[in-house]
Amino acid sequence: MPKENRWHQTVKQVLKEIGEDRGYNVEESEKEMIFSKRFTIYIGDKKEIHSVSYKPDVVWKKGHQYKAIFEIEYLNPKGTSQLMNKRKYAIGSLMLGYVAMLDKSVDNLYFVTNSEPLCSEMGKLMEFADVKNFKNVIYLYAEDRARSSLKKELIKVIG
């Protein structure tokens, strides 16, 4: 298994354990959140109706209420060519997560990455966008560490 997948799966498993320990139902990328907003796209002469959907990496729920959603992004520390594509993907994920906060009444959105510069950039982007629930969007820099230290680090930041 590539290092990226191992790190991603480890973070998902740790978040699942933390969520279950706190009494949440935890879902891992199983269900898409479909937003009720519909929009029209014209492709040539053809009109198509679309709905926006979003599939977060990890979701903590209690009953029908979403308590937290997590976006987990790994950036290869040795490859800088990946940075621009990952930045675009992360921005899209962050925006969809923010829409989920508004549309699905999610309490918190957590952006977890192994890249400190990417984490900082996402925080700056949300400051520039001047979003109203900015205090509920939390950025976590989680280094590629052993599972136990990663769990302690995430618990400390999540609270």
N, C-alpha and C. Protein backbone atom coordinates (compact mmCIF):
# COMPACT_ATOMS: atom_id res chain seq x y z
N MET A 1 0.86 -1.18 0.00
CA MET A 1 0.00 0.00 0.00
C MET A 1 0.90 1.24 0.00
N PRO A 2 0.66 2.21 -0.91
CA PRO A 2 1.47 3.42 -0.94
C PRO A 2 1.35 4.21 0.37
N LYS A 3 2.39 4.98 0.65
CA LYS A 3 2.45 5.75 1.90
C LYS A 3 1.23 6.67 2.05
N GLU A 4 0.81 7.29 0.93
CA GLU A 4 -0.36 8.18 0.95
C GLU A 4 -1.60 7.45 1.45
N ASN A 5 -1.85 6.26 0.91
CA ASN A 5 -3.03 5.49 1.33
C ASN A 5 -2.93 5.02 2.77
N ARG A 6 -1.71 4.63 3.19
CA ARG A 6 -1.54 4.21 4.60
C ARG A 6 -1.84 5.35 5.55
N TRP A 7 -1.31 6.54 5.25
CA TRP A 7 -1.54 7.71 6.11
C TRP A 7 -3.02 8.05 6.13
N HIS A 8 -3.65 8.08 4.98
CA HIS A 8 -5.06 8.42 4.86
C HIS A 8 -5.92 7.43 5.65
N GLN A 9 -5.67 6.14 5.48
CA GLN A 9 -6.43 5.11 6.18
C GLN A 9 -6.19 5.17 7.69
N THR A 10 -4.95 5.45 8.09
CA THR A 10 -4.64 5.56 9.52
C THR A 10 -5.40 6.72 10.15
N VAL A 11 -5.40 7.87 9.48
CA VAL A 11 -6.13 9.04 10.00
C VAL A 11 -7.61 8.72 10.08
N LYS A 12 -8.18 8.10 9.04
CA LYS A 12 -9.60 7.74 9.07
C LYS A 12 -9.91 6.81 10.24
N GLN A 13 -9.06 5.81 10.47
CA GLN A 13 -9.28 4.84 11.55
C GLN A 13 -9.18 5.52 12.92
N VAL A 14 -8.20 6.41 13.07
CA VAL A 14 -8.05 7.13 14.34
C VAL A 14 -9.26 8.02 14.58
N LEU A 15 -9.73 8.73 13.56
CA LEU A 15 -10.93 9.58 13.72
C LEU A 15 -12.16 8.74 14.03
N LYS A 16 -12.23 7.55 13.45
CA LYS A 16 -13.35 6.65 13.74
C LYS A 16 -13.32 6.24 15.22
N GLU A 17 -12.15 5.87 15.71
CA GLU A 17 -12.02 5.47 17.12
C GLU A 17 -12.37 6.62 18.07
N ILE A 18 -11.86 7.81 17.77
CA ILE A 18 -12.14 8.97 18.62
C ILE A 18 -13.64 9.27 18.62
N GLY A 19 -14.25 9.25 17.45
CA GLY A 19 -15.69 9.52 17.35
C GLY A 19 -16.52 8.50 18.09
N GLU A 20 -16.20 7.22 17.92
CA GLU A 20 -16.95 6.17 18.62
C GLU A 20 -16.76 6.26 20.13
N ASP A 21 -15.54 6.58 20.57
CA ASP A 21 -15.29 6.76 22.01
C ASP A 21 -16.14 7.88 22.59
N ARG A 22 -16.47 8.87 21.78
CA ARG A 22 -17.27 10.02 22.23
C ARG A 22 -18.77 9.83 21.99
N GLY A 23 -19.15 8.63 21.53
CA GLY A 23 -20.57 8.32 21.39
C GLY A 23 -21.20 8.72 20.06
N TYR A 24 -20.39 8.98 19.05
CA TYR A 24 -20.93 9.33 17.73
C TYR A 24 -21.06 8.10 16.87
N ASN A 25 -22.01 8.13 15.95
CA ASN A 25 -22.04 7.16 14.87
C ASN A 25 -21.05 7.67 13.84
N VAL A 26 -20.15 6.82 13.40
CA VAL A 26 -19.10 7.26 12.48
C VAL A 26 -19.29 6.58 11.13
N GLU A 27 -19.28 7.38 10.08
CA GLU A 27 -19.35 6.87 8.72
C GLU A 27 -18.06 7.26 8.02
N GLU A 28 -17.55 6.33 7.23
CA GLU A 28 -16.32 6.58 6.49
C GLU A 28 -16.61 6.53 4.99
N SER A 29 -16.73 7.67 4.38
CA SER A 29 -16.88 7.78 2.92
C SER A 29 -17.92 6.82 2.35
N GLU A 30 -18.92 6.48 3.13
CA GLU A 30 -19.90 5.51 2.65
C GLU A 30 -21.07 6.18 1.95
N LYS A 31 -21.51 7.30 2.48
CA LYS A 31 -22.71 7.93 1.96
C LYS A 31 -22.40 9.32 1.46
N GLU A 32 -23.06 9.66 0.36
CA GLU A 32 -22.93 11.01 -0.15
C GLU A 32 -23.98 11.89 0.49
N MET A 33 -23.61 13.12 0.75
CA MET A 33 -24.58 14.12 1.18
C MET A 33 -25.07 14.78 -0.11
N ILE A 34 -26.36 14.75 -0.34
CA ILE A 34 -26.90 15.39 -1.54
C ILE A 34 -27.61 16.65 -1.10
N PHE A 35 -27.16 17.75 -1.66
CA PHE A 35 -27.73 19.04 -1.29
C PHE A 35 -28.98 19.27 -2.13
N SER A 36 -29.93 19.94 -1.53
CA SER A 36 -31.21 20.14 -2.19
C SER A 36 -31.15 21.17 -3.32
N LYS A 37 -30.03 21.86 -3.45
CA LYS A 37 -29.91 22.86 -4.49
C LYS A 37 -29.77 22.18 -5.85
N ARG A 38 -30.61 22.54 -6.76
CA ARG A 38 -30.52 22.02 -8.12
C ARG A 38 -30.15 23.17 -9.05
N PHE A 39 -29.41 22.84 -10.08
CA PHE A 39 -29.02 23.87 -11.03
C PHE A 39 -29.01 23.29 -12.43
N THR A 40 -29.07 24.17 -13.40
CA THR A 40 -29.14 23.78 -14.80
C THR A 40 -27.79 24.04 -15.47
N ILE A 41 -27.37 23.06 -16.24
CA ILE A 41 -26.16 23.21 -17.05
C ILE A 41 -26.55 22.98 -18.50
N TYR A 42 -26.06 23.85 -19.38
CA TYR A 42 -26.30 23.67 -20.81
C TYR A 42 -25.02 23.12 -21.43
N ILE A 43 -25.12 21.93 -22.01
CA ILE A 43 -24.01 21.33 -22.74
C ILE A 43 -24.41 21.33 -24.20
N GLY A 44 -23.87 22.32 -24.90
CA GLY A 44 -24.30 22.52 -26.28
C GLY A 44 -25.75 22.98 -26.28
N ASP A 45 -26.59 22.28 -26.98
CA ASP A 45 -28.02 22.59 -27.04
C ASP A 45 -28.82 21.85 -25.98
N LYS A 46 -28.16 20.96 -25.27
CA LYS A 46 -28.86 20.09 -24.32
C LYS A 46 -28.86 20.69 -22.92
N LYS A 47 -30.03 20.68 -22.29
CA LYS A 47 -30.18 21.20 -20.94
C LYS A 47 -30.19 20.03 -19.95
N GLU A 48 -29.36 20.11 -18.92
CA GLU A 48 -29.31 19.06 -17.90
C GLU A 48 -29.49 19.65 -16.52
N ILE A 49 -30.26 18.97 -15.68
CA ILE A 49 -30.48 19.38 -14.29
C ILE A 49 -29.54 18.56 -13.42
N HIS A 50 -28.83 19.24 -12.52
CA HIS A 50 -27.89 18.57 -11.61
C HIS A 50 -28.19 18.93 -10.16
N SER A 51 -27.81 18.03 -9.28
CA SER A 51 -27.81 18.29 -7.84
C SER A 51 -26.37 18.23 -7.38
N VAL A 52 -26.05 18.99 -6.37
CA VAL A 52 -24.70 18.96 -5.83
C VAL A 52 -24.63 17.84 -4.79
N SER A 53 -23.61 17.03 -4.87
CA SER A 53 -23.41 16.00 -3.86
C SER A 53 -21.98 16.09 -3.33
N TYR A 54 -21.78 15.54 -2.17
CA TYR A 54 -20.49 15.65 -1.49
C TYR A 54 -20.27 14.38 -0.70
N LYS A 55 -19.06 13.87 -0.73
CA LYS A 55 -18.73 12.64 -0.03
C LYS A 55 -17.53 12.89 0.89
N PRO A 56 -17.80 13.31 2.14
CA PRO A 56 -16.68 13.58 3.05
C PRO A 56 -15.94 12.30 3.43
N ASP A 57 -14.71 12.45 3.89
CA ASP A 57 -13.90 11.28 4.26
C ASP A 57 -14.42 10.60 5.52
N VAL A 58 -14.76 11.37 6.54
CA VAL A 58 -15.28 10.82 7.80
C VAL A 58 -16.38 11.74 8.30
N VAL A 59 -17.46 11.16 8.82
CA VAL A 59 -18.58 11.94 9.37
C VAL A 59 -18.90 11.43 10.77
N TRP A 60 -19.05 12.35 11.71
CA TRP A 60 -19.54 12.02 13.05
C TRP A 60 -20.98 12.50 13.13
N LYS A 61 -21.89 11.59 13.52
CA LYS A 61 -23.31 11.92 13.62
C LYS A 61 -23.86 11.49 14.97
N LYS A 62 -24.88 12.20 15.42
CA LYS A 62 -25.70 11.77 16.56
C LYS A 62 -27.14 11.88 16.07
N GLY A 63 -27.79 10.74 15.96
CA GLY A 63 -29.14 10.74 15.40
C GLY A 63 -29.09 11.20 13.95
N HIS A 64 -29.90 12.21 13.64
CA HIS A 64 -29.91 12.74 12.28
C HIS A 64 -29.09 14.02 12.16
N GLN A 65 -28.35 14.36 13.20
CA GLN A 65 -27.57 15.59 13.19
C GLN A 65 -26.10 15.29 12.93
N TYR A 66 -25.54 16.02 12.00
CA TYR A 66 -24.11 15.90 11.71
C TYR A 66 -23.35 16.76 12.71
N LYS A 67 -22.44 16.18 13.43
CA LYS A 67 -21.65 16.93 14.41
C LYS A 67 -20.33 17.42 13.82
N ALA A 68 -19.71 16.60 12.98
CA ALA A 68 -18.44 17.01 12.37
C ALA A 68 -18.22 16.22 11.09
N ILE A 69 -17.60 16.89 10.13
CA ILE A 69 -17.15 16.20 8.93
C ILE A 69 -15.65 16.48 8.78
N PHE A 70 -14.96 15.50 8.23
CA PHE A 70 -13.51 15.58 8.11
C PHE A 70 -13.09 15.40 6.66
N GLU A 71 -12.24 16.27 6.19
CA GLU A 71 -11.58 16.15 4.89
C GLU A 71 -10.12 15.85 5.18
N ILE A 72 -9.62 14.78 4.59
CA ILE A 72 -8.25 14.34 4.86
C ILE A 72 -7.46 14.42 3.56
N GLU A 73 -6.42 15.23 3.54
CA GLU A 73 -5.62 15.43 2.33
C GLU A 73 -4.16 15.15 2.61
N TYR A 74 -3.58 14.25 1.84
CA TYR A 74 -2.15 13.92 1.95
C TYR A 74 -1.41 14.60 0.82
N LEU A 75 -0.29 15.21 1.12
CA LEU A 75 0.56 15.82 0.10
C LEU A 75 1.93 15.20 0.20
N ASN A 76 2.40 14.65 -0.89
CA ASN A 76 3.72 14.02 -0.92
C ASN A 76 4.78 15.07 -0.59
N PRO A 77 5.49 14.91 0.52
CA PRO A 77 6.45 15.93 0.92
C PRO A 77 7.62 16.09 -0.04
N LYS A 78 7.88 15.08 -0.88
CA LYS A 78 9.02 15.15 -1.80
C LYS A 78 8.65 15.73 -3.16
N GLY A 79 7.37 15.72 -3.51
CA GLY A 79 6.98 16.16 -4.85
C GLY A 79 6.25 17.49 -4.83
N THR A 80 6.83 18.51 -5.44
CA THR A 80 6.17 19.81 -5.48
C THR A 80 5.20 19.93 -6.64
N SER A 81 5.32 19.04 -7.63
CA SER A 81 4.42 19.12 -8.79
C SER A 81 2.98 18.78 -8.39
N GLN A 82 2.82 18.05 -7.32
CA GLN A 82 1.50 17.65 -6.86
C GLN A 82 0.78 18.79 -6.15
N LEU A 83 1.52 19.79 -5.70
CA LEU A 83 0.97 20.85 -4.86
C LEU A 83 -0.20 21.58 -5.51
N MET A 84 -0.07 22.00 -6.76
CA MET A 84 -1.14 22.77 -7.41
C MET A 84 -2.41 21.95 -7.58
N ASN A 85 -2.29 20.71 -8.04
CA ASN A 85 -3.48 19.86 -8.20
C ASN A 85 -4.13 19.58 -6.85
N LYS A 86 -3.33 19.30 -5.84
CA LYS A 86 -3.88 19.01 -4.50
C LYS A 86 -4.53 20.26 -3.92
N ARG A 87 -3.94 21.42 -4.18
CA ARG A 87 -4.51 22.68 -3.69
C ARG A 87 -5.90 22.89 -4.30
N LYS A 88 -6.03 22.67 -5.59
CA LYS A 88 -7.33 22.84 -6.26
C LYS A 88 -8.35 21.84 -5.71
N TYR A 89 -7.94 20.59 -5.56
CA TYR A 89 -8.84 19.57 -5.02
C TYR A 89 -9.25 19.92 -3.59
N ALA A 90 -8.29 20.36 -2.77
CA ALA A 90 -8.57 20.71 -1.38
C ALA A 90 -9.53 21.89 -1.29
N ILE A 91 -9.34 22.88 -2.15
CA ILE A 91 -10.25 24.03 -2.16
C ILE A 91 -11.66 23.58 -2.49
N GLY A 92 -11.80 22.71 -3.49
CA GLY A 92 -13.12 22.19 -3.84
C GLY A 92 -13.76 21.41 -2.70
N SER A 93 -12.97 20.57 -2.04
CA SER A 93 -13.48 19.79 -0.91
C SER A 93 -13.89 20.70 0.24
N LEU A 94 -13.06 21.71 0.49
CA LEU A 94 -13.34 22.65 1.57
C LEU A 94 -14.63 23.42 1.30
N MET A 95 -14.82 23.85 0.06
CA MET A 95 -16.04 24.58 -0.28
C MET A 95 -17.28 23.70 -0.17
N LEU A 96 -17.18 22.45 -0.62
CA LEU A 96 -18.31 21.52 -0.49
C LEU A 96 -18.60 21.23 0.98
N GLY A 97 -17.54 21.10 1.79
CA GLY A 97 -17.72 20.91 3.22
C GLY A 97 -18.41 22.10 3.86
N TYR A 98 -18.06 23.29 3.41
CA TYR A 98 -18.68 24.51 3.94
C TYR A 98 -20.16 24.56 3.55
N VAL A 99 -20.46 24.18 2.31
CA VAL A 99 -21.87 24.12 1.89
C VAL A 99 -22.63 23.10 2.74
N ALA A 100 -21.97 21.99 3.08
CA ALA A 100 -22.61 20.99 3.94
C ALA A 100 -22.89 21.56 5.32
N MET A 101 -21.99 22.41 5.82
CA MET A 101 -22.23 23.06 7.11
C MET A 101 -23.50 23.89 7.06
N LEU A 102 -23.69 24.59 5.97
CA LEU A 102 -24.86 25.46 5.84
C LEU A 102 -26.13 24.67 5.55
N ASP A 103 -26.03 23.71 4.62
CA ASP A 103 -27.21 22.99 4.15
C ASP A 103 -27.63 21.86 5.08
N LYS A 104 -26.67 21.19 5.68
CA LYS A 104 -26.96 20.03 6.52
C LYS A 104 -26.78 20.31 8.00
N SER A 105 -26.56 21.54 8.37
CA SER A 105 -26.36 21.94 9.77
C SER A 105 -25.24 21.15 10.45
N VAL A 106 -24.13 21.02 9.77
CA VAL A 106 -22.96 20.38 10.34
C VAL A 106 -22.34 21.36 11.33
N ASP A 107 -21.99 20.89 12.52
CA ASP A 107 -21.42 21.77 13.54
C ASP A 107 -19.99 22.20 13.21
N ASN A 108 -19.16 21.27 12.78
CA ASN A 108 -17.75 21.58 12.54
C ASN A 108 -17.24 20.89 11.29
N LEU A 109 -16.36 21.58 10.58
CA LEU A 109 -15.66 21.01 9.44
C LEU A 109 -14.17 21.01 9.79
N TYR A 110 -13.55 19.84 9.70
CA TYR A 110 -12.13 19.71 10.00
C TYR A 110 -11.38 19.37 8.72
N PHE A 111 -10.34 20.10 8.45
CA PHE A 111 -9.47 19.85 7.31
C PHE A 111 -8.15 19.32 7.86
N VAL A 112 -7.85 18.05 7.58
CA VAL A 112 -6.66 17.39 8.13
C VAL A 112 -5.68 17.13 6.99
N THR A 113 -4.44 17.56 7.16
CA THR A 113 -3.43 17.32 6.14
C THR A 113 -2.08 17.08 6.78
N ASN A 114 -1.20 16.43 6.04
CA ASN A 114 0.17 16.21 6.50
C ASN A 114 1.09 17.34 6.02
N SER A 115 0.53 18.34 5.34
CA SER A 115 1.32 19.44 4.79
C SER A 115 1.00 20.74 5.50
N GLU A 116 1.97 21.26 6.23
CA GLU A 116 1.75 22.51 6.96
C GLU A 116 1.45 23.68 6.01
N PRO A 117 2.17 23.81 4.88
CA PRO A 117 1.84 24.91 3.95
C PRO A 117 0.42 24.80 3.38
N LEU A 118 -0.02 23.58 3.04
CA LEU A 118 -1.38 23.41 2.51
C LEU A 118 -2.41 23.76 3.58
N CYS A 119 -2.17 23.36 4.80
CA CYS A 119 -3.06 23.68 5.92
C CYS A 119 -3.17 25.20 6.09
N SER A 120 -2.05 25.87 6.06
CA SER A 120 -2.02 27.32 6.21
C SER A 120 -2.75 28.01 5.06
N GLU A 121 -2.52 27.52 3.84
CA GLU A 121 -3.18 28.12 2.67
C GLU A 121 -4.69 27.99 2.74
N MET A 122 -5.18 26.85 3.21
CA MET A 122 -6.63 26.66 3.30
C MET A 122 -7.22 27.61 4.34
N GLY A 123 -6.51 27.82 5.44
CA GLY A 123 -6.95 28.77 6.46
C GLY A 123 -7.00 30.18 5.92
N LYS A 124 -5.97 30.57 5.17
CA LYS A 124 -5.93 31.92 4.58
C LYS A 124 -7.05 32.09 3.56
N LEU A 125 -7.32 31.05 2.79
CA LEU A 125 -8.39 31.12 1.80
C LEU A 125 -9.73 31.43 2.46
N MET A 126 -10.01 30.74 3.57
CA MET A 126 -11.28 30.97 4.25
C MET A 126 -11.32 32.37 4.87
N GLU A 127 -10.17 32.89 5.30
CA GLU A 127 -10.13 34.27 5.79
C GLU A 127 -10.44 35.25 4.66
N PHE A 128 -9.84 35.01 3.50
CA PHE A 128 -10.09 35.89 2.35
C PHE A 128 -11.55 35.84 1.92
N ALA A 129 -12.13 34.64 1.99
CA ALA A 129 -13.53 34.47 1.58
C ALA A 129 -14.48 35.10 2.58
N ASP A 130 -14.01 35.37 3.80
CA ASP A 130 -14.80 36.01 4.85
C ASP A 130 -16.12 35.27 5.08
N VAL A 131 -16.02 33.95 5.27
CA VAL A 131 -17.22 33.15 5.50
C VAL A 131 -17.71 33.33 6.92
N LYS A 132 -19.02 33.26 7.09
CA LYS A 132 -19.59 33.58 8.40
C LYS A 132 -19.37 32.52 9.47
N ASN A 133 -19.23 31.26 9.10
CA ASN A 133 -19.00 30.21 10.09
C ASN A 133 -17.53 29.82 10.15
N PHE A 134 -16.65 30.77 9.88
CA PHE A 134 -15.22 30.48 9.83
C PHE A 134 -14.72 29.84 11.11
N LYS A 135 -15.27 30.23 12.26
CA LYS A 135 -14.80 29.68 13.53
C LYS A 135 -15.07 28.19 13.65
N ASN A 136 -15.96 27.66 12.83
CA ASN A 136 -16.28 26.23 12.88
C ASN A 136 -15.53 25.41 11.83
N VAL A 137 -14.64 26.06 11.08
CA VAL A 137 -13.79 25.35 10.13
C VAL A 137 -12.40 25.28 10.76
N ILE A 138 -11.95 24.07 11.05
CA ILE A 138 -10.72 23.88 11.81
C ILE A 138 -9.70 23.15 10.94
N TYR A 139 -8.47 23.65 10.94
CA TYR A 139 -7.41 23.10 10.11
C TYR A 139 -6.43 22.36 11.00
N LEU A 140 -6.15 21.12 10.67
CA LEU A 140 -5.26 20.30 11.48
C LEU A 140 -4.07 19.85 10.64
N TYR A 141 -2.89 20.13 11.14
CA TYR A 141 -1.67 19.63 10.51
C TYR A 141 -1.27 18.39 11.29
N ALA A 142 -1.34 17.25 10.65
CA ALA A 142 -1.02 15.98 11.31
C ALA A 142 0.14 15.33 10.58
N GLU A 143 1.30 15.36 11.19
CA GLU A 143 2.48 14.78 10.57
C GLU A 143 2.31 13.27 10.39
N ASP A 144 3.13 12.74 9.50
CA ASP A 144 3.13 11.30 9.26
C ASP A 144 3.89 10.64 10.40
N ARG A 145 3.15 10.24 11.43
CA ARG A 145 3.75 9.68 12.65
C ARG A 145 3.16 8.32 12.95
N ALA A 146 3.65 7.76 14.02
CA ALA A 146 3.09 6.50 14.50
C ALA A 146 1.64 6.71 14.89
N ARG A 147 0.87 5.67 14.80
CA ARG A 147 -0.58 5.73 15.05
C ARG A 147 -0.93 6.31 16.41
N SER A 148 -0.23 5.88 17.46
CA SER A 148 -0.56 6.33 18.81
C SER A 148 -0.29 7.83 18.97
N SER A 149 0.82 8.32 18.43
CA SER A 149 1.10 9.76 18.55
C SER A 149 0.15 10.57 17.68
N LEU A 150 -0.25 10.02 16.54
CA LEU A 150 -1.22 10.69 15.68
C LEU A 150 -2.56 10.83 16.41
N LYS A 151 -2.97 9.77 17.12
CA LYS A 151 -4.23 9.82 17.87
C LYS A 151 -4.16 10.88 18.97
N LYS A 152 -3.06 10.92 19.71
CA LYS A 152 -2.90 11.93 20.77
C LYS A 152 -2.94 13.34 20.18
N GLU A 153 -2.28 13.52 19.05
CA GLU A 153 -2.24 14.83 18.40
C GLU A 153 -3.65 15.27 17.96
N LEU A 154 -4.40 14.36 17.35
CA LEU A 154 -5.75 14.70 16.89
C LEU A 154 -6.69 14.96 18.07
N ILE A 155 -6.60 14.17 19.12
CA ILE A 155 -7.44 14.38 20.31
C ILE A 155 -7.15 15.76 20.91
N LYS A 156 -5.89 16.11 20.97
CA LYS A 156 -5.49 17.42 21.55
C LYS A 156 -6.10 18.57 20.76
N VAL A 157 -6.09 18.48 19.44
CA VAL A 157 -6.59 19.57 18.61
C VAL A 157 -8.12 19.57 18.54
N ILE A 158 -8.73 18.39 18.43
CA ILE A 158 -10.19 18.30 18.33
C ILE A 158 -10.83 18.69 19.65
N GLY A 159 -10.18 18.39 20.75
CA GLY A 159 -10.71 18.77 22.06
C GLY A 159 -11.33 17.66 22.82
